[in-house]
Amino acid sequence: MGQKISPAEPEQHPGVATAEQGVVLLDGPDGVAIAMTPEAAEETGRRLMAAAQEAASQTSAEAHPS
């Protein structure tokens, strides 16, 4: 307890999303895969877009401090 875990290097390549038999499949790096309902995939997509926008603004703010 109390150990700090060093963060992994962030993935630079996007996952691949496909639809099969009414299920959304997302394949990521290193064999990571997840199956979601269409509703879960839509909400995940919204959350990913919001987080990506926030992360992009954080990196641009760090590059150009006021």
PDB file of N, CA and C in Angstrom:
ATOM      1  N   MET A   1       0.840  -1.174   0.000  1.00  0.00           N
ATOM      2  CA  MET A   1       0.000   0.000   0.000  1.00  0.00           C
ATOM      3  C   MET A   1       0.886   1.238   0.000  1.00  0.00           C
ATOM      4  N   GLY A   2       0.418   2.320  -0.634  1.00  0.00           N
ATOM      5  CA  GLY A   2       1.207   3.522  -0.687  1.00  0.00           C
ATOM      6  C   GLY A   2       2.195   3.549  -1.831  1.00  0.00           C
ATOM      7  N   GLN A   3       2.260   2.456  -2.609  1.00  0.00           N
ATOM      8  CA  GLN A   3       3.170   2.432  -3.748  1.00  0.00           C
ATOM      9  C   GLN A   3       2.629   3.310  -4.859  1.00  0.00           C
ATOM     10  N   LYS A   4       3.546   4.023  -5.505  1.00  0.00           N
ATOM     11  CA  LYS A   4       3.158   4.801  -6.672  1.00  0.00           C
ATOM     12  C   LYS A   4       3.380   3.946  -7.910  1.00  0.00           C
ATOM     13  N   ILE A   5       2.380   3.897  -8.735  1.00  0.00           N
ATOM     14  CA  ILE A   5       2.488   3.155  -9.976  1.00  0.00           C
ATOM     15  C   ILE A   5       2.836   4.142 -11.076  1.00  0.00           C
ATOM     16  N   SER A   6       3.921   3.873 -11.781  1.00  0.00           N
ATOM     17  CA  SER A   6       4.292   4.778 -12.863  1.00  0.00           C
ATOM     18  C   SER A   6       3.335   4.551 -14.025  1.00  0.00           C
ATOM     19  N   PRO A   7       2.845   5.639 -14.614  1.00  0.00           N
ATOM     20  CA  PRO A   7       1.884   5.482 -15.702  1.00  0.00           C
ATOM     21  C   PRO A   7       2.543   4.882 -16.937  1.00  0.00           C
ATOM     22  N   ALA A   8       1.781   4.084 -17.629  1.00  0.00           N
ATOM     23  CA  ALA A   8       2.276   3.507 -18.881  1.00  0.00           C
ATOM     24  C   ALA A   8       2.337   4.598 -19.929  1.00  0.00           C
ATOM     25  N   GLU A   9       3.163   4.387 -20.910  1.00  0.00           N
ATOM     26  CA  GLU A   9       3.248   5.320 -22.031  1.00  0.00           C
ATOM     27  C   GLU A   9       1.901   5.289 -22.760  1.00  0.00           C
ATOM     28  N   PRO A  10       1.326   6.438 -23.065  1.00  0.00           N
ATOM     29  CA  PRO A  10       0.010   6.432 -23.716  1.00  0.00           C
ATOM     30  C   PRO A  10       0.093   5.878 -25.141  1.00  0.00           C
ATOM     31  N   GLU A  11      -0.921   5.163 -25.520  1.00  0.00           N
ATOM     32  CA  GLU A  11      -1.005   4.589 -26.870  1.00  0.00           C
ATOM     33  C   GLU A  11      -1.149   5.704 -27.893  1.00  0.00           C
ATOM     34  N   GLN A  12      -0.429   5.600 -28.988  1.00  0.00           N
ATOM     35  CA  GLN A  12      -0.473   6.632 -30.020  1.00  0.00           C
ATOM     36  C   GLN A  12      -1.306   6.220 -31.231  1.00  0.00           C
ATOM     37  N   HIS A  13      -1.742   4.973 -31.267  1.00  0.00           N
ATOM     38  CA  HIS A  13      -2.527   4.487 -32.394  1.00  0.00           C
ATOM     39  C   HIS A  13      -3.963   4.245 -31.934  1.00  0.00           C
ATOM     40  N   PRO A  14      -4.939   4.662 -32.746  1.00  0.00           N
ATOM     41  CA  PRO A  14      -6.341   4.488 -32.339  1.00  0.00           C
ATOM     42  C   PRO A  14      -6.769   3.027 -32.394  1.00  0.00           C
ATOM     43  N   GLY A  15      -7.792   2.723 -31.606  1.00  0.00           N
ATOM     44  CA  GLY A  15      -8.393   1.403 -31.675  1.00  0.00           C
ATOM     45  C   GLY A  15      -9.229   1.290 -32.941  1.00  0.00           C
ATOM     46  N   VAL A  16      -9.651   0.077 -33.239  1.00  0.00           N
ATOM     47  CA  VAL A  16     -10.476  -0.178 -34.419  1.00  0.00           C
ATOM     48  C   VAL A  16     -11.842  -0.659 -33.947  1.00  0.00           C
ATOM     49  N   ALA A  17     -12.888   0.070 -34.352  1.00  0.00           N
ATOM     50  CA  ALA A  17     -14.250  -0.283 -33.973  1.00  0.00           C
ATOM     51  C   ALA A  17     -14.969  -0.914 -35.157  1.00  0.00           C
ATOM     52  N   THR A  18     -15.689  -1.998 -34.876  1.00  0.00           N
ATOM     53  CA  THR A  18     -16.497  -2.658 -35.889  1.00  0.00           C
ATOM     54  C   THR A  18     -17.837  -3.038 -35.272  1.00  0.00           C
ATOM     55  N   ALA A  19     -18.808  -3.310 -36.125  1.00  0.00           N
ATOM     56  CA  ALA A  19     -20.116  -3.769 -35.663  1.00  0.00           C
ATOM     57  C   ALA A  19     -20.376  -5.151 -36.243  1.00  0.00           C
ATOM     58  N   GLU A  20     -20.772  -6.069 -35.371  1.00  0.00           N
ATOM     59  CA  GLU A  20     -21.089  -7.427 -35.802  1.00  0.00           C
ATOM     60  C   GLU A  20     -22.277  -7.932 -35.007  1.00  0.00           C
ATOM     61  N   GLN A  21     -23.307  -8.327 -35.721  1.00  0.00           N
ATOM     62  CA  GLN A  21     -24.490  -8.935 -35.128  1.00  0.00           C
ATOM     63  C   GLN A  21     -25.071  -8.086 -33.996  1.00  0.00           C
ATOM     64  N   GLY A  22     -25.131  -6.771 -34.203  1.00  0.00           N
ATOM     65  CA  GLY A  22     -25.735  -5.877 -33.228  1.00  0.00           C
ATOM     66  C   GLY A  22     -24.860  -5.522 -32.046  1.00  0.00           C
ATOM     67  N   VAL A  23     -23.584  -5.874 -32.105  1.00  0.00           N
ATOM     68  CA  VAL A  23     -22.645  -5.591 -31.022  1.00  0.00           C
ATOM     69  C   VAL A  23     -21.492  -4.768 -31.591  1.00  0.00           C
ATOM     70  N   VAL A  24     -21.023  -3.796 -30.835  1.00  0.00           N
ATOM     71  CA  VAL A  24     -19.864  -3.001 -31.236  1.00  0.00           C
ATOM     72  C   VAL A  24     -18.627  -3.617 -30.608  1.00  0.00           C
ATOM     73  N   LEU A  25     -17.625  -3.858 -31.441  1.00  0.00           N
ATOM     74  CA  LEU A  25     -16.359  -4.437 -30.976  1.00  0.00           C
ATOM     75  C   LEU A  25     -15.278  -3.384 -31.116  1.00  0.00           C
ATOM     76  N   LEU A  26     -14.489  -3.223 -30.078  1.00  0.00           N
ATOM     77  CA  LEU A  26     -13.370  -2.289 -30.101  1.00  0.00           C
ATOM     78  C   LEU A  26     -12.095  -3.069 -29.841  1.00  0.00           C
ATOM     79  N   ASP A  27     -11.207  -3.073 -30.838  1.00  0.00           N
ATOM     80  CA  ASP A  27      -9.915  -3.748 -30.723  1.00  0.00           C
ATOM     81  C   ASP A  27      -8.844  -2.705 -30.504  1.00  0.00           C
ATOM     82  N   GLY A  28      -8.040  -2.910 -29.464  1.00  0.00           N
ATOM     83  CA  GLY A  28      -6.972  -1.983 -29.139  1.00  0.00           C
ATOM     84  C   GLY A  28      -5.623  -2.668 -29.195  1.00  0.00           C
ATOM     85  N   PRO A  29      -4.612  -2.023 -28.640  1.00  0.00           N
ATOM     86  CA  PRO A  29      -3.255  -2.571 -28.677  1.00  0.00           C
ATOM     87  C   PRO A  29      -3.087  -3.777 -27.752  1.00  0.00           C
ATOM     88  N   ASP A  30      -2.107  -4.571 -28.052  1.00  0.00           N
ATOM     89  CA  ASP A  30      -1.732  -5.711 -27.204  1.00  0.00           C
ATOM     90  C   ASP A  30      -2.880  -6.681 -26.953  1.00  0.00           C
ATOM     91  N   GLY A  31      -3.754  -6.847 -27.936  1.00  0.00           N
ATOM     92  CA  GLY A  31      -4.842  -7.812 -27.802  1.00  0.00           C
ATOM     93  C   GLY A  31      -6.011  -7.347 -26.955  1.00  0.00           C
ATOM     94  N   VAL A  32      -6.028  -6.093 -26.564  1.00  0.00           N
ATOM     95  CA  VAL A  32      -7.146  -5.578 -25.771  1.00  0.00           C
ATOM     96  C   VAL A  32      -8.381  -5.524 -26.667  1.00  0.00           C
ATOM     97  N   ALA A  33      -9.480  -6.074 -26.203  1.00  0.00           N
ATOM     98  CA  ALA A  33     -10.723  -6.044 -26.967  1.00  0.00           C
ATOM     99  C   ALA A  33     -11.894  -5.923 -26.005  1.00  0.00           C
ATOM    100  N   ILE A  34     -12.946  -5.247 -26.472  1.00  0.00           N
ATOM    101  CA  ILE A  34     -14.143  -5.100 -25.659  1.00  0.00           C
ATOM    102  C   ILE A  34     -15.352  -5.144 -26.575  1.00  0.00           C
ATOM    103  N   ALA A  35     -16.419  -5.740 -26.106  1.00  0.00           N
ATOM    104  CA  ALA A  35     -17.683  -5.787 -26.828  1.00  0.00           C
ATOM    105  C   ALA A  35     -18.688  -4.958 -26.041  1.00  0.00           C
ATOM    106  N   MET A  36     -19.437  -4.105 -26.747  1.00  0.00           N
ATOM    107  CA  MET A  36     -20.399  -3.221 -26.095  1.00  0.00           C
ATOM    108  C   MET A  36     -21.720  -3.213 -26.847  1.00  0.00           C
ATOM    109  N   THR A  37     -22.774  -2.912 -26.122  1.00  0.00           N
ATOM    110  CA  THR A  37     -24.047  -2.665 -26.778  1.00  0.00           C
ATOM    111  C   THR A  37     -23.913  -1.370 -27.572  1.00  0.00           C
ATOM    112  N   PRO A  38     -24.775  -1.145 -28.551  1.00  0.00           N
ATOM    113  CA  PRO A  38     -24.716   0.126 -29.283  1.00  0.00           C
ATOM    114  C   PRO A  38     -24.853   1.336 -28.352  1.00  0.00           C
ATOM    115  N   GLU A  39     -25.699   1.235 -27.354  1.00  0.00           N
ATOM    116  CA  GLU A  39     -25.898   2.351 -26.419  1.00  0.00           C
ATOM    117  C   GLU A  39     -24.643   2.626 -25.609  1.00  0.00           C
ATOM    118  N   ALA A  40     -24.003   1.568 -25.130  1.00  0.00           N
ATOM    119  CA  ALA A  40     -22.764   1.746 -24.360  1.00  0.00           C
ATOM    120  C   ALA A  40     -21.663   2.310 -25.253  1.00  0.00           C
ATOM    121  N   ALA A  41     -21.609   1.877 -26.498  1.00  0.00           N
ATOM    122  CA  ALA A  41     -20.595   2.380 -27.419  1.00  0.00           C
ATOM    123  C   ALA A  41     -20.811   3.861 -27.712  1.00  0.00           C
ATOM    124  N   GLU A  42     -22.064   4.274 -27.898  1.00  0.00           N
ATOM    125  CA  GLU A  42     -22.347   5.691 -28.147  1.00  0.00           C
ATOM    126  C   GLU A  42     -21.924   6.558 -26.971  1.00  0.00           C
ATOM    127  N   GLU A  43     -22.261   6.129 -25.760  1.00  0.00           N
ATOM    128  CA  GLU A  43     -21.885   6.922 -24.573  1.00  0.00           C
ATOM    129  C   GLU A  43     -20.374   6.918 -24.382  1.00  0.00           C
ATOM    130  N   THR A  44     -19.731   5.785 -24.627  1.00  0.00           N
ATOM    131  CA  THR A  44     -18.276   5.722 -24.537  1.00  0.00           C
ATOM    132  C   THR A  44     -17.649   6.682 -25.534  1.00  0.00           C
ATOM    133  N   GLY A  45     -18.200   6.729 -26.742  1.00  0.00           N
ATOM    134  CA  GLY A  45     -17.700   7.655 -27.759  1.00  0.00           C
ATOM    135  C   GLY A  45     -17.807   9.103 -27.318  1.00  0.00           C
ATOM    136  N   ARG A  46     -18.948   9.465 -26.731  1.00  0.00           N
ATOM    137  CA  ARG A  46     -19.115  10.842 -26.225  1.00  0.00           C
ATOM    138  C   ARG A  46     -18.104  11.149 -25.130  1.00  0.00           C
ATOM    139  N   ARG A  47     -17.938  10.213 -24.228  1.00  0.00           N
ATOM    140  CA  ARG A  47     -16.992  10.423 -23.118  1.00  0.00           C
ATOM    141  C   ARG A  47     -15.549  10.498 -23.614  1.00  0.00           C
ATOM    142  N   LEU A  48     -15.206   9.679 -24.600  1.00  0.00           N
ATOM    143  CA  LEU A  48     -13.858   9.739 -25.169  1.00  0.00           C
ATOM    144  C   LEU A  48     -13.615  11.080 -25.849  1.00  0.00           C
ATOM    145  N   MET A  49     -14.593  11.581 -26.601  1.00  0.00           N
ATOM    146  CA  MET A  49     -14.444  12.871 -27.280  1.00  0.00           C
ATOM    147  C   MET A  49     -14.264  13.997 -26.251  1.00  0.00           C
ATOM    148  N   ALA A  50     -15.053  13.989 -25.190  1.00  0.00           N
ATOM    149  CA  ALA A  50     -14.939  15.027 -24.158  1.00  0.00           C
ATOM    150  C   ALA A  50     -13.573  14.963 -23.476  1.00  0.00           C
ATOM    151  N   ALA A  51     -13.119  13.747 -23.145  1.00  0.00           N
ATOM    152  CA  ALA A  51     -11.822  13.599 -22.485  1.00  0.00           C
ATOM    153  C   ALA A  51     -10.682  13.989 -23.420  1.00  0.00           C
ATOM    154  N   ALA A  52     -10.810  13.661 -24.713  1.00  0.00           N
ATOM    155  CA  ALA A  52      -9.775  14.023 -25.676  1.00  0.00           C
ATOM    156  C   ALA A  52      -9.667  15.536 -25.812  1.00  0.00           C
ATOM    157  N   GLN A  53     -10.795  16.215 -25.849  1.00  0.00           N
ATOM    158  CA  GLN A  53     -10.778  17.675 -25.941  1.00  0.00           C
ATOM    159  C   GLN A  53     -10.147  18.292 -24.703  1.00  0.00           C
ATOM    160  N   GLU A  54     -10.483  17.749 -23.532  1.00  0.00           N
ATOM    161  CA  GLU A  54      -9.903  18.260 -22.289  1.00  0.00           C
ATOM    162  C   GLU A  54      -8.395  18.019 -22.245  1.00  0.00           C
ATOM    163  N   ALA A  55      -7.973  16.824 -22.628  1.00  0.00           N
ATOM    164  CA  ALA A  55      -6.544  16.503 -22.627  1.00  0.00           C
ATOM    165  C   ALA A  55      -5.782  17.381 -23.611  1.00  0.00           C
ATOM    166  N   ALA A  56      -6.369  17.625 -24.782  1.00  0.00           N
ATOM    167  CA  ALA A  56      -5.713  18.480 -25.773  1.00  0.00           C
ATOM    168  C   ALA A  56      -5.550  19.895 -25.245  1.00  0.00           C
ATOM    169  N   SER A  57      -6.555  20.392 -24.524  1.00  0.00           N
ATOM    170  CA  SER A  57      -6.440  21.750 -23.979  1.00  0.00           C
ATOM    171  C   SER A  57      -5.406  21.802 -22.862  1.00  0.00           C
ATOM    172  N   GLN A  58      -5.252  20.712 -22.133  1.00  0.00           N
ATOM    173  CA  GLN A  58      -4.242  20.666 -21.072  1.00  0.00           C
ATOM    174  C   GLN A  58      -2.846  20.699 -21.662  1.00  0.00           C
ATOM    175  N   THR A  59      -2.612  19.962 -22.728  1.00  0.00           N
ATOM    176  CA  THR A  59      -1.270  19.948 -23.313  1.00  0.00           C
ATOM    177  C   THR A  59      -0.962  21.265 -24.003  1.00  0.00           C
ATOM    178  N   SER A  60      -1.952  21.907 -24.615  1.00  0.00           N
ATOM    179  CA  SER A  60      -1.688  23.192 -25.249  1.00  0.00           C
ATOM    180  C   SER A  60      -1.480  24.279 -24.191  1.00  0.00           C
ATOM    181  N   ALA A  61      -2.178  24.170 -23.052  1.00  0.00           N
ATOM    182  CA  ALA A  61      -1.984  25.136 -21.962  1.00  0.00           C
ATOM    183  C   ALA A  61      -0.589  24.978 -21.347  1.00  0.00           C
ATOM    184  N   GLU A  62      -0.096  23.739 -21.240  1.00  0.00           N
ATOM    185  CA  GLU A  62       1.237  23.504 -20.698  1.00  0.00           C
ATOM    186  C   GLU A  62       2.307  24.011 -21.652  1.00  0.00           C
ATOM    187  N   ALA A  63       2.045  23.918 -22.950  1.00  0.00           N
ATOM    188  CA  ALA A  63       3.019  24.370 -23.942  1.00  0.00           C
ATOM    189  C   ALA A  63       3.080  25.889 -24.015  1.00  0.00           C
ATOM    190  N   HIS A  64       1.977  26.543 -23.669  1.00  0.00           N
ATOM    191  CA  HIS A  64       1.884  28.013 -23.749  1.00  0.00           C
ATOM    192  C   HIS A  64       1.363  28.577 -22.433  1.00  0.00           C
ATOM    193  N   PRO A  65       2.145  28.523 -21.349  1.00  0.00           N
ATOM    194  CA  PRO A  65       1.651  29.050 -20.073  1.00  0.00           C
ATOM    195  C   PRO A  65       1.427  30.566 -20.165  1.00  0.00           C
ATOM    196  N   SER A  66       0.386  31.022 -19.469  1.00  0.00           N
ATOM    197  CA  SER A  66       0.085  32.466 -19.504  1.00  0.00           C
ATOM    198  C   SER A  66       0.891  33.219 -18.490  1.00  0.00           C
TER     199      SER A  66
END
